[in-house]
Amino acid sequence: MDLTTLPLDLTEWLHPTAWLQLFGTFATIGVLAIIFAETGLLIGCILPGDSLLFTAGILTAVSTVNGQEFQSLSLPWLLIGGPIAAISGAQLGHWLGARYGRKLFERPNSKIFRQEWVEKAEYYFNRFGPARAVVLARFIPIVRTFLNPLAGMLGMDTRKFFIWNVVGGVIWTDALFLLGHFLGSEVPDVERYILPGVAVILILSIIPIVREIMKGRGSSHNGPKKKDAEESRPSLSGDSYR
């Protein structure tokens, strides 16, 4: 690991190639560690997710990106270790939520934490129901970090959470790894498209959030209907969902 390549600007921490360059020969282990942290620890919300998996998949087929040499990654290890890291991280988040409850989220806003992120995770949990939310949250940045402890805090059964956690974890990680590997193997000079590809993934990832924000603004004029709907769903003011 070369500490001289440690990202100094906060925005650089979101760029997958900066992390892969930092990890060097330990890149595969580093990718798995980030997957675990992003899904299991609240501070993981600042780490790259979809873009890292996609880029890691590409680097199982190529080793040079824009003239920079990267450590080649092992596709089999990623396909096996990725889901394990994602599943175990989410289970840790669920346990933390069940263990510490609301205290886990009672902190002031900062550069790496916003109460609105918790509220967004809660919104998806309520709208789609526990099972679907656990799977779908995997594909939504920030939400996938906060939904796991939120599910634990709201009392989602551990066994039920584990089942859907496995489904979502396997689909999310392996789909992006395989997509990156396929493009790296089949597209000539694929390294030219890593940055645009990462940008597209980031845009696609935030589309669901933007859509829901717009819907929320549109429904803000419904007054009593909105209030009734909010009273009928679980919230951070309670410790279990109904």
C-alpha atoms as a PDB file:
ATOM      1  CA  MET A   1       0.000   0.000   0.000  1.00  0.00           C
ATOM      2  CA  ASP A   2       1.504   3.315  -1.081  1.00  0.00           C
ATOM      3  CA  LEU A   3       0.478   6.020   1.416  1.00  0.00           C
ATOM      4  CA  THR A   4       1.879   8.731  -0.842  1.00  0.00           C
ATOM      5  CA  THR A   5      -1.127   8.184  -3.110  1.00  0.00           C
ATOM      6  CA  LEU A   6      -3.598   8.724  -0.255  1.00  0.00           C
ATOM      7  CA  PRO A   7      -6.440  10.969  -1.534  1.00  0.00           C
ATOM      8  CA  LEU A   8      -6.315  14.396   0.103  1.00  0.00           C
ATOM      9  CA  ASP A   9      -9.405  15.987  -1.446  1.00  0.00           C
ATOM     10  CA  LEU A  10     -12.735  14.625  -0.186  1.00  0.00           C
ATOM     11  CA  THR A  11     -14.010  14.280  -3.745  1.00  0.00           C
ATOM     12  CA  GLU A  12     -11.088  12.007  -4.585  1.00  0.00           C
ATOM     13  CA  TRP A  13     -12.302   9.504  -2.002  1.00  0.00           C
ATOM     14  CA  LEU A  14     -15.291   8.864  -4.258  1.00  0.00           C
ATOM     15  CA  HIS A  15     -13.107   7.966  -7.229  1.00  0.00           C
ATOM     16  CA  PRO A  16     -12.495   4.194  -7.478  1.00  0.00           C
ATOM     17  CA  THR A  17      -9.142   4.416  -9.282  1.00  0.00           C
ATOM     18  CA  ALA A  18      -7.691   6.492  -6.431  1.00  0.00           C
ATOM     19  CA  TRP A  19      -8.469   3.692  -4.002  1.00  0.00           C
ATOM     20  CA  LEU A  20      -7.216   0.950  -6.312  1.00  0.00           C
ATOM     21  CA  GLN A  21      -3.989   2.856  -6.818  1.00  0.00           C
ATOM     22  CA  LEU A  22      -3.646   3.258  -3.055  1.00  0.00           C
ATOM     23  CA  PHE A  23      -4.144  -0.436  -2.301  1.00  0.00           C
ATOM     24  CA  GLY A  24      -1.558  -1.535  -4.873  1.00  0.00           C
ATOM     25  CA  THR A  25      -0.837  -5.267  -4.579  1.00  0.00           C
ATOM     26  CA  PHE A  26      -3.587  -5.566  -1.971  1.00  0.00           C
ATOM     27  CA  ALA A  27      -6.251  -4.195  -4.347  1.00  0.00           C
ATOM     28  CA  THR A  28      -8.519  -7.252  -4.185  1.00  0.00           C
ATOM     29  CA  ILE A  29      -8.505  -7.205  -0.380  1.00  0.00           C
ATOM     30  CA  GLY A  30      -9.017  -3.449  -0.446  1.00  0.00           C
ATOM     31  CA  VAL A  31     -12.071  -3.730  -2.682  1.00  0.00           C
ATOM     32  CA  LEU A  32     -13.626  -6.301  -0.341  1.00  0.00           C
ATOM     33  CA  ALA A  33     -12.855  -4.125   2.683  1.00  0.00           C
ATOM     34  CA  ILE A  34     -14.567  -1.114   1.097  1.00  0.00           C
ATOM     35  CA  ILE A  35     -17.624  -3.205   0.202  1.00  0.00           C
ATOM     36  CA  PHE A  36     -17.844  -4.329   3.835  1.00  0.00           C
ATOM     37  CA  ALA A  37     -17.407  -0.809   5.215  1.00  0.00           C
ATOM     38  CA  GLU A  38     -19.809   0.838   2.768  1.00  0.00           C
ATOM     39  CA  THR A  39     -22.605  -1.559   3.683  1.00  0.00           C
ATOM     40  CA  GLY A  40     -21.849  -2.038   7.384  1.00  0.00           C
ATOM     41  CA  LEU A  41     -20.494   1.209   8.832  1.00  0.00           C
ATOM     42  CA  LEU A  42     -22.200   4.599   8.723  1.00  0.00           C
ATOM     43  CA  ILE A  43     -18.950   6.291   7.738  1.00  0.00           C
ATOM     44  CA  GLY A  44     -18.928   4.000   4.692  1.00  0.00           C
ATOM     45  CA  CYS A  45     -21.400   6.316   2.971  1.00  0.00           C
ATOM     46  CA  ILE A  46     -18.458   8.421   1.711  1.00  0.00           C
ATOM     47  CA  LEU A  47     -16.816   5.438   0.009  1.00  0.00           C
ATOM     48  CA  PRO A  48     -17.291   4.484  -3.669  1.00  0.00           C
ATOM     49  CA  GLY A  49     -19.749   1.671  -4.286  1.00  0.00           C
ATOM     50  CA  ASP A  50     -21.146   0.831  -7.729  1.00  0.00           C
ATOM     51  CA  SER A  51     -18.294   2.598  -9.509  1.00  0.00           C
ATOM     52  CA  LEU A  52     -15.698   0.659  -7.518  1.00  0.00           C
ATOM     53  CA  LEU A  53     -17.273  -2.706  -8.323  1.00  0.00           C
ATOM     54  CA  PHE A  54     -17.548  -1.826 -12.008  1.00  0.00           C
ATOM     55  CA  THR A  55     -13.953  -0.614 -12.200  1.00  0.00           C
ATOM     56  CA  ALA A  56     -12.692  -3.641 -10.272  1.00  0.00           C
ATOM     57  CA  GLY A  57     -14.456  -5.875 -12.767  1.00  0.00           C
ATOM     58  CA  ILE A  58     -12.707  -4.127 -15.652  1.00  0.00           C
ATOM     59  CA  LEU A  59      -9.344  -4.552 -13.931  1.00  0.00           C
ATOM     60  CA  THR A  60      -9.808  -8.314 -13.939  1.00  0.00           C
ATOM     61  CA  ALA A  61      -9.354  -8.078 -17.709  1.00  0.00           C
ATOM     62  CA  VAL A  62      -6.946  -5.133 -18.162  1.00  0.00           C
ATOM     63  CA  SER A  63      -4.170  -3.680 -16.031  1.00  0.00           C
ATOM     64  CA  THR A  64      -3.554  -0.279 -17.617  1.00  0.00           C
ATOM     65  CA  VAL A  65      -5.895   2.692 -17.330  1.00  0.00           C
ATOM     66  CA  ASN A  66      -5.009   5.983 -19.030  1.00  0.00           C
ATOM     67  CA  GLY A  67      -1.336   5.050 -18.963  1.00  0.00           C
ATOM     68  CA  GLN A  68      -1.370   4.067 -15.281  1.00  0.00           C
ATOM     69  CA  GLU A  69      -0.537   0.543 -14.232  1.00  0.00           C
ATOM     70  CA  PHE A  70      -2.879  -1.169 -11.783  1.00  0.00           C
ATOM     71  CA  GLN A  71      -2.646  -4.461  -9.949  1.00  0.00           C
ATOM     72  CA  SER A  72      -4.624  -7.106 -11.862  1.00  0.00           C
ATOM     73  CA  LEU A  73      -7.580  -8.329  -9.831  1.00  0.00           C
ATOM     74  CA  SER A  74      -8.847 -11.895  -9.513  1.00  0.00           C
ATOM     75  CA  LEU A  75     -12.364 -12.335 -10.872  1.00  0.00           C
ATOM     76  CA  PRO A  76     -13.023 -15.597  -8.956  1.00  0.00           C
ATOM     77  CA  TRP A  77     -11.943 -13.999  -5.681  1.00  0.00           C
ATOM     78  CA  LEU A  78     -14.148 -10.971  -6.345  1.00  0.00           C
ATOM     79  CA  LEU A  79     -17.163 -13.105  -7.282  1.00  0.00           C
ATOM     80  CA  ILE A  80     -16.801 -15.097  -4.075  1.00  0.00           C
ATOM     81  CA  GLY A  81     -15.491 -12.470  -1.682  1.00  0.00           C
ATOM     82  CA  GLY A  82     -17.666  -9.589  -2.905  1.00  0.00           C
ATOM     83  CA  PRO A  83     -21.004 -11.101  -1.842  1.00  0.00           C
ATOM     84  CA  ILE A  84     -19.513 -12.318   1.446  1.00  0.00           C
ATOM     85  CA  ALA A  85     -18.221  -8.822   2.250  1.00  0.00           C
ATOM     86  CA  ALA A  86     -21.519  -7.194   1.250  1.00  0.00           C
ATOM     87  CA  ILE A  87     -23.636  -9.671   3.209  1.00  0.00           C
ATOM     88  CA  SER A  88     -21.493  -9.613   6.358  1.00  0.00           C
ATOM     89  CA  GLY A  89     -21.271  -5.816   6.274  1.00  0.00           C
ATOM     90  CA  ALA A  90     -25.029  -5.457   6.012  1.00  0.00           C
ATOM     91  CA  GLN A  91     -25.559  -7.970   8.820  1.00  0.00           C
ATOM     92  CA  LEU A  92     -23.239  -5.898  11.000  1.00  0.00           C
ATOM     93  CA  GLY A  93     -25.254  -2.782  10.155  1.00  0.00           C
ATOM     94  CA  HIS A  94     -28.493  -4.589  11.057  1.00  0.00           C
ATOM     95  CA  TRP A  95     -27.005  -5.738  14.364  1.00  0.00           C
ATOM     96  CA  LEU A  96     -25.776  -2.235  15.206  1.00  0.00           C
ATOM     97  CA  GLY A  97     -29.238  -0.829  14.521  1.00  0.00           C
ATOM     98  CA  ALA A  98     -30.918  -3.485  16.679  1.00  0.00           C
ATOM     99  CA  ARG A  99     -28.338  -3.058  19.451  1.00  0.00           C
ATOM    100  CA  TYR A 100     -28.097   0.726  19.703  1.00  0.00           C
ATOM    101  CA  GLY A 101     -31.434   1.841  18.236  1.00  0.00           C
ATOM    102  CA  ARG A 102     -32.078   5.534  17.681  1.00  0.00           C
ATOM    103  CA  LYS A 103     -28.863   6.524  19.443  1.00  0.00           C
ATOM    104  CA  LEU A 104     -26.983   5.349  16.358  1.00  0.00           C
ATOM    105  CA  PHE A 105     -28.517   8.166  14.310  1.00  0.00           C
ATOM    106  CA  GLU A 106     -28.599  10.902  16.939  1.00  0.00           C
ATOM    107  CA  ARG A 107     -25.684  12.985  15.730  1.00  0.00           C
ATOM    108  CA  PRO A 108     -25.290  16.428  14.171  1.00  0.00           C
ATOM    109  CA  ASN A 109     -24.992  16.954  10.438  1.00  0.00           C
ATOM    110  CA  SER A 110     -21.469  17.007   9.049  1.00  0.00           C
ATOM    111  CA  LYS A 111     -19.578  16.453   5.790  1.00  0.00           C
ATOM    112  CA  ILE A 112     -19.983  12.678   6.204  1.00  0.00           C
ATOM    113  CA  PHE A 113     -23.430  12.512   7.824  1.00  0.00           C
ATOM    114  CA  ARG A 114     -26.821  14.035   7.117  1.00  0.00           C
ATOM    115  CA  GLN A 115     -30.100  13.306   8.882  1.00  0.00           C
ATOM    116  CA  GLU A 116     -31.784  13.521   5.479  1.00  0.00           C
ATOM    117  CA  TRP A 117     -29.832  10.409   4.412  1.00  0.00           C
ATOM    118  CA  VAL A 118     -31.407   8.472   7.264  1.00  0.00           C
ATOM    119  CA  GLU A 119     -34.822   9.816   6.332  1.00  0.00           C
ATOM    120  CA  LYS A 120     -34.316   8.750   2.716  1.00  0.00           C
ATOM    121  CA  ALA A 121     -33.397   5.221   3.812  1.00  0.00           C
ATOM    122  CA  GLU A 122     -36.468   5.159   6.035  1.00  0.00           C
ATOM    123  CA  TYR A 123     -38.617   6.327   3.128  1.00  0.00           C
ATOM    124  CA  TYR A 124     -37.516   3.412   0.941  1.00  0.00           C
ATOM    125  CA  PHE A 125     -37.959   0.974   3.828  1.00  0.00           C
ATOM    126  CA  ASN A 126     -41.545   2.138   4.296  1.00  0.00           C
ATOM    127  CA  ARG A 127     -42.492   2.467   0.653  1.00  0.00           C
ATOM    128  CA  PHE A 128     -41.246  -0.874  -0.635  1.00  0.00           C
ATOM    129  CA  GLY A 129     -41.578  -2.929   2.519  1.00  0.00           C
ATOM    130  CA  PRO A 130     -38.691  -4.547   4.416  1.00  0.00           C
ATOM    131  CA  ALA A 131     -37.865  -7.388   1.978  1.00  0.00           C
ATOM    132  CA  ARG A 132     -37.897  -5.390  -1.266  1.00  0.00           C
ATOM    133  CA  ALA A 133     -36.186  -2.418   0.363  1.00  0.00           C
ATOM    134  CA  VAL A 134     -33.227  -4.532   1.510  1.00  0.00           C
ATOM    135  CA  VAL A 135     -32.669  -5.749  -2.076  1.00  0.00           C
ATOM    136  CA  LEU A 136     -33.366  -2.495  -3.924  1.00  0.00           C
ATOM    137  CA  ALA A 137     -31.287  -0.384  -1.519  1.00  0.00           C
ATOM    138  CA  ARG A 138     -28.176  -2.184  -2.765  1.00  0.00           C
ATOM    139  CA  PHE A 139     -28.394  -0.152  -5.977  1.00  0.00           C
ATOM    140  CA  ILE A 140     -28.945   3.247  -4.345  1.00  0.00           C
ATOM    141  CA  PRO A 141     -25.882   5.069  -2.955  1.00  0.00           C
ATOM    142  CA  ILE A 142     -26.065   6.208   0.680  1.00  0.00           C
ATOM    143  CA  VAL A 143     -29.427   4.455   1.121  1.00  0.00           C
ATOM    144  CA  ARG A 144     -27.677   1.062   1.093  1.00  0.00           C
ATOM    145  CA  THR A 145     -25.462   2.253   3.964  1.00  0.00           C
ATOM    146  CA  PHE A 146     -28.222   3.545   6.222  1.00  0.00           C
ATOM    147  CA  LEU A 147     -31.017   1.098   5.466  1.00  0.00           C
ATOM    148  CA  ASN A 148     -29.309  -1.866   7.154  1.00  0.00           C
ATOM    149  CA  PRO A 149     -29.021  -0.343  10.645  1.00  0.00           C
ATOM    150  CA  LEU A 150     -32.422   1.260  10.111  1.00  0.00           C
ATOM    151  CA  ALA A 151     -33.931  -2.186   9.459  1.00  0.00           C
ATOM    152  CA  GLY A 152     -32.371  -3.461  12.675  1.00  0.00           C
ATOM    153  CA  MET A 153     -33.617  -0.486  14.652  1.00  0.00           C
ATOM    154  CA  LEU A 154     -37.163  -0.901  13.305  1.00  0.00           C
ATOM    155  CA  GLY A 155     -37.182  -4.552  14.362  1.00  0.00           C
ATOM    156  CA  MET A 156     -36.900  -6.429  11.063  1.00  0.00           C
ATOM    157  CA  ASP A 157     -36.471 -10.114  11.897  1.00  0.00           C
ATOM    158  CA  THR A 158     -32.802 -11.156  11.643  1.00  0.00           C
ATOM    159  CA  ARG A 159     -33.549 -14.327   9.661  1.00  0.00           C
ATOM    160  CA  LYS A 160     -35.779 -12.509   7.170  1.00  0.00           C
ATOM    161  CA  PHE A 161     -33.202  -9.759   6.816  1.00  0.00           C
ATOM    162  CA  PHE A 162     -30.440 -12.301   6.195  1.00  0.00           C
ATOM    163  CA  ILE A 163     -32.371 -14.043   3.402  1.00  0.00           C
ATOM    164  CA  TRP A 164     -33.021 -10.852   1.456  1.00  0.00           C
ATOM    165  CA  ASN A 165     -29.589  -9.510   2.332  1.00  0.00           C
ATOM    166  CA  VAL A 166     -28.052 -12.551   0.614  1.00  0.00           C
ATOM    167  CA  VAL A 167     -30.232 -12.057  -2.473  1.00  0.00           C
ATOM    168  CA  GLY A 168     -29.389  -8.375  -2.793  1.00  0.00           C
ATOM    169  CA  GLY A 169     -25.715  -8.797  -1.923  1.00  0.00           C
ATOM    170  CA  VAL A 170     -25.067 -11.475  -4.544  1.00  0.00           C
ATOM    171  CA  ILE A 171     -26.962  -9.679  -7.318  1.00  0.00           C
ATOM    172  CA  TRP A 172     -25.407  -6.277  -6.629  1.00  0.00           C
ATOM    173  CA  THR A 173     -21.764  -7.303  -6.369  1.00  0.00           C
ATOM    174  CA  ASP A 174     -21.507 -10.071  -8.944  1.00  0.00           C
ATOM    175  CA  ALA A 175     -23.606  -8.270 -11.571  1.00  0.00           C
ATOM    176  CA  LEU A 176     -21.300  -5.238 -11.515  1.00  0.00           C
ATOM    177  CA  PHE A 177     -18.135  -7.350 -11.373  1.00  0.00           C
ATOM    178  CA  LEU A 178     -19.259  -9.410 -14.364  1.00  0.00           C
ATOM    179  CA  LEU A 179     -20.382  -6.347 -16.308  1.00  0.00           C
ATOM    180  CA  GLY A 180     -16.982  -4.727 -15.831  1.00  0.00           C
ATOM    181  CA  HIS A 181     -15.146  -7.954 -16.707  1.00  0.00           C
ATOM    182  CA  PHE A 182     -17.219  -8.450 -19.855  1.00  0.00           C
ATOM    183  CA  LEU A 183     -16.568  -4.913 -21.074  1.00  0.00           C
ATOM    184  CA  GLY A 184     -12.889  -5.203 -20.193  1.00  0.00           C
ATOM    185  CA  SER A 185     -12.611  -8.425 -22.187  1.00  0.00           C
ATOM    186  CA  GLU A 186     -14.711  -7.499 -25.203  1.00  0.00           C
ATOM    187  CA  VAL A 187     -14.310  -3.752 -25.750  1.00  0.00           C
ATOM    188  CA  PRO A 188     -11.011  -2.637 -27.335  1.00  0.00           C
ATOM    189  CA  ASP A 189      -9.201   0.072 -25.359  1.00  0.00           C
ATOM    190  CA  VAL A 190     -11.849  -0.167 -22.651  1.00  0.00           C
ATOM    191  CA  GLU A 191      -9.643   1.878 -20.323  1.00  0.00           C
ATOM    192  CA  ARG A 192     -10.675   4.953 -22.324  1.00  0.00           C
ATOM    193  CA  TYR A 193     -14.246   4.434 -21.202  1.00  0.00           C
ATOM    194  CA  ILE A 194     -13.712   3.785 -17.494  1.00  0.00           C
ATOM    195  CA  LEU A 195     -14.216   7.391 -16.445  1.00  0.00           C
ATOM    196  CA  PRO A 196     -17.308   7.893 -18.665  1.00  0.00           C
ATOM    197  CA  GLY A 197     -18.581   4.501 -17.498  1.00  0.00           C
ATOM    198  CA  VAL A 198     -18.156   5.458 -13.864  1.00  0.00           C
ATOM    199  CA  ALA A 199     -19.954   8.738 -14.539  1.00  0.00           C
ATOM    200  CA  VAL A 200     -22.864   6.908 -16.171  1.00  0.00           C
ATOM    201  CA  ILE A 201     -23.127   4.500 -13.229  1.00  0.00           C
ATOM    202  CA  LEU A 202     -23.129   7.383 -10.755  1.00  0.00           C
ATOM    203  CA  ILE A 203     -25.847   9.176 -12.736  1.00  0.00           C
ATOM    204  CA  LEU A 204     -27.966   6.034 -12.997  1.00  0.00           C
ATOM    205  CA  SER A 205     -27.508   5.451  -9.279  1.00  0.00           C
ATOM    206  CA  ILE A 206     -28.860   8.845  -8.271  1.00  0.00           C
ATOM    207  CA  ILE A 207     -31.803   8.844 -10.713  1.00  0.00           C
ATOM    208  CA  PRO A 208     -34.072   6.933  -8.271  1.00  0.00           C
ATOM    209  CA  ILE A 209     -33.263   9.431  -5.525  1.00  0.00           C
ATOM    210  CA  VAL A 210     -33.938  12.421  -7.779  1.00  0.00           C
ATOM    211  CA  ARG A 211     -37.231  10.893  -8.951  1.00  0.00           C
ATOM    212  CA  GLU A 212     -38.402  10.329  -5.394  1.00  0.00           C
ATOM    213  CA  ILE A 213     -37.416  13.850  -4.375  1.00  0.00           C
ATOM    214  CA  MET A 214     -39.462  15.250  -7.257  1.00  0.00           C
ATOM    215  CA  LYS A 215     -42.401  13.029  -6.334  1.00  0.00           C
ATOM    216  CA  GLY A 216     -42.086  14.175  -2.746  1.00  0.00           C
ATOM    217  CA  ARG A 217     -42.242  17.812  -3.798  1.00  0.00           C
ATOM    218  CA  GLY A 218     -45.242  17.081  -5.967  1.00  0.00           C
ATOM    219  CA  SER A 219     -47.098  15.375  -3.144  1.00  0.00           C
ATOM    220  CA  SER A 220     -46.335  18.170  -0.677  1.00  0.00           C
ATOM    221  CA  HIS A 221     -49.536  19.872  -1.833  1.00  0.00           C
ATOM    222  CA  ASN A 222     -51.698  16.949  -0.731  1.00  0.00           C
ATOM    223  CA  GLY A 223     -51.819  18.159   2.879  1.00  0.00           C
ATOM    224  CA  PRO A 224     -54.011  15.830   4.969  1.00  0.00           C
ATOM    225  CA  LYS A 225     -53.407  12.831   2.679  1.00  0.00           C
ATOM    226  CA  LYS A 226     -49.686  13.123   3.156  1.00  0.00           C
ATOM    227  CA  LYS A 227     -50.066  13.505   6.904  1.00  0.00           C
ATOM    228  CA  ASP A 228     -52.293  10.434   7.163  1.00  0.00           C
ATOM    229  CA  ALA A 229     -49.825   8.402   5.110  1.00  0.00           C
ATOM    230  CA  GLU A 230     -46.966   9.458   7.360  1.00  0.00           C
ATOM    231  CA  GLU A 231     -48.899   8.507  10.497  1.00  0.00           C
ATOM    232  CA  SER A 232     -49.571   5.017   9.125  1.00  0.00           C
ATOM    233  CA  ARG A 233     -45.940   4.162   8.419  1.00  0.00           C
ATOM    234  CA  PRO A 234     -43.045   3.443  10.768  1.00  0.00           C
ATOM    235  CA  SER A 235     -40.569   6.136  11.584  1.00  0.00           C
ATOM    236  CA  LEU A 236     -37.487   6.893  13.562  1.00  0.00           C
ATOM    237  CA  SER A 237     -39.695   7.870  16.473  1.00  0.00           C
ATOM    238  CA  GLY A 238     -40.497   4.215  17.031  1.00  0.00           C
ATOM    239  CA  ASP A 239     -38.408   1.085  17.435  1.00  0.00           C
ATOM    240  CA  SER A 240     -40.356  -1.379  15.289  1.00  0.00           C
ATOM    241  CA  TYR A 241     -42.268  -1.453  12.044  1.00  0.00           C
ATOM    242  CA  ARG A 242     -45.922  -2.427  11.809  1.00  0.00           C
END
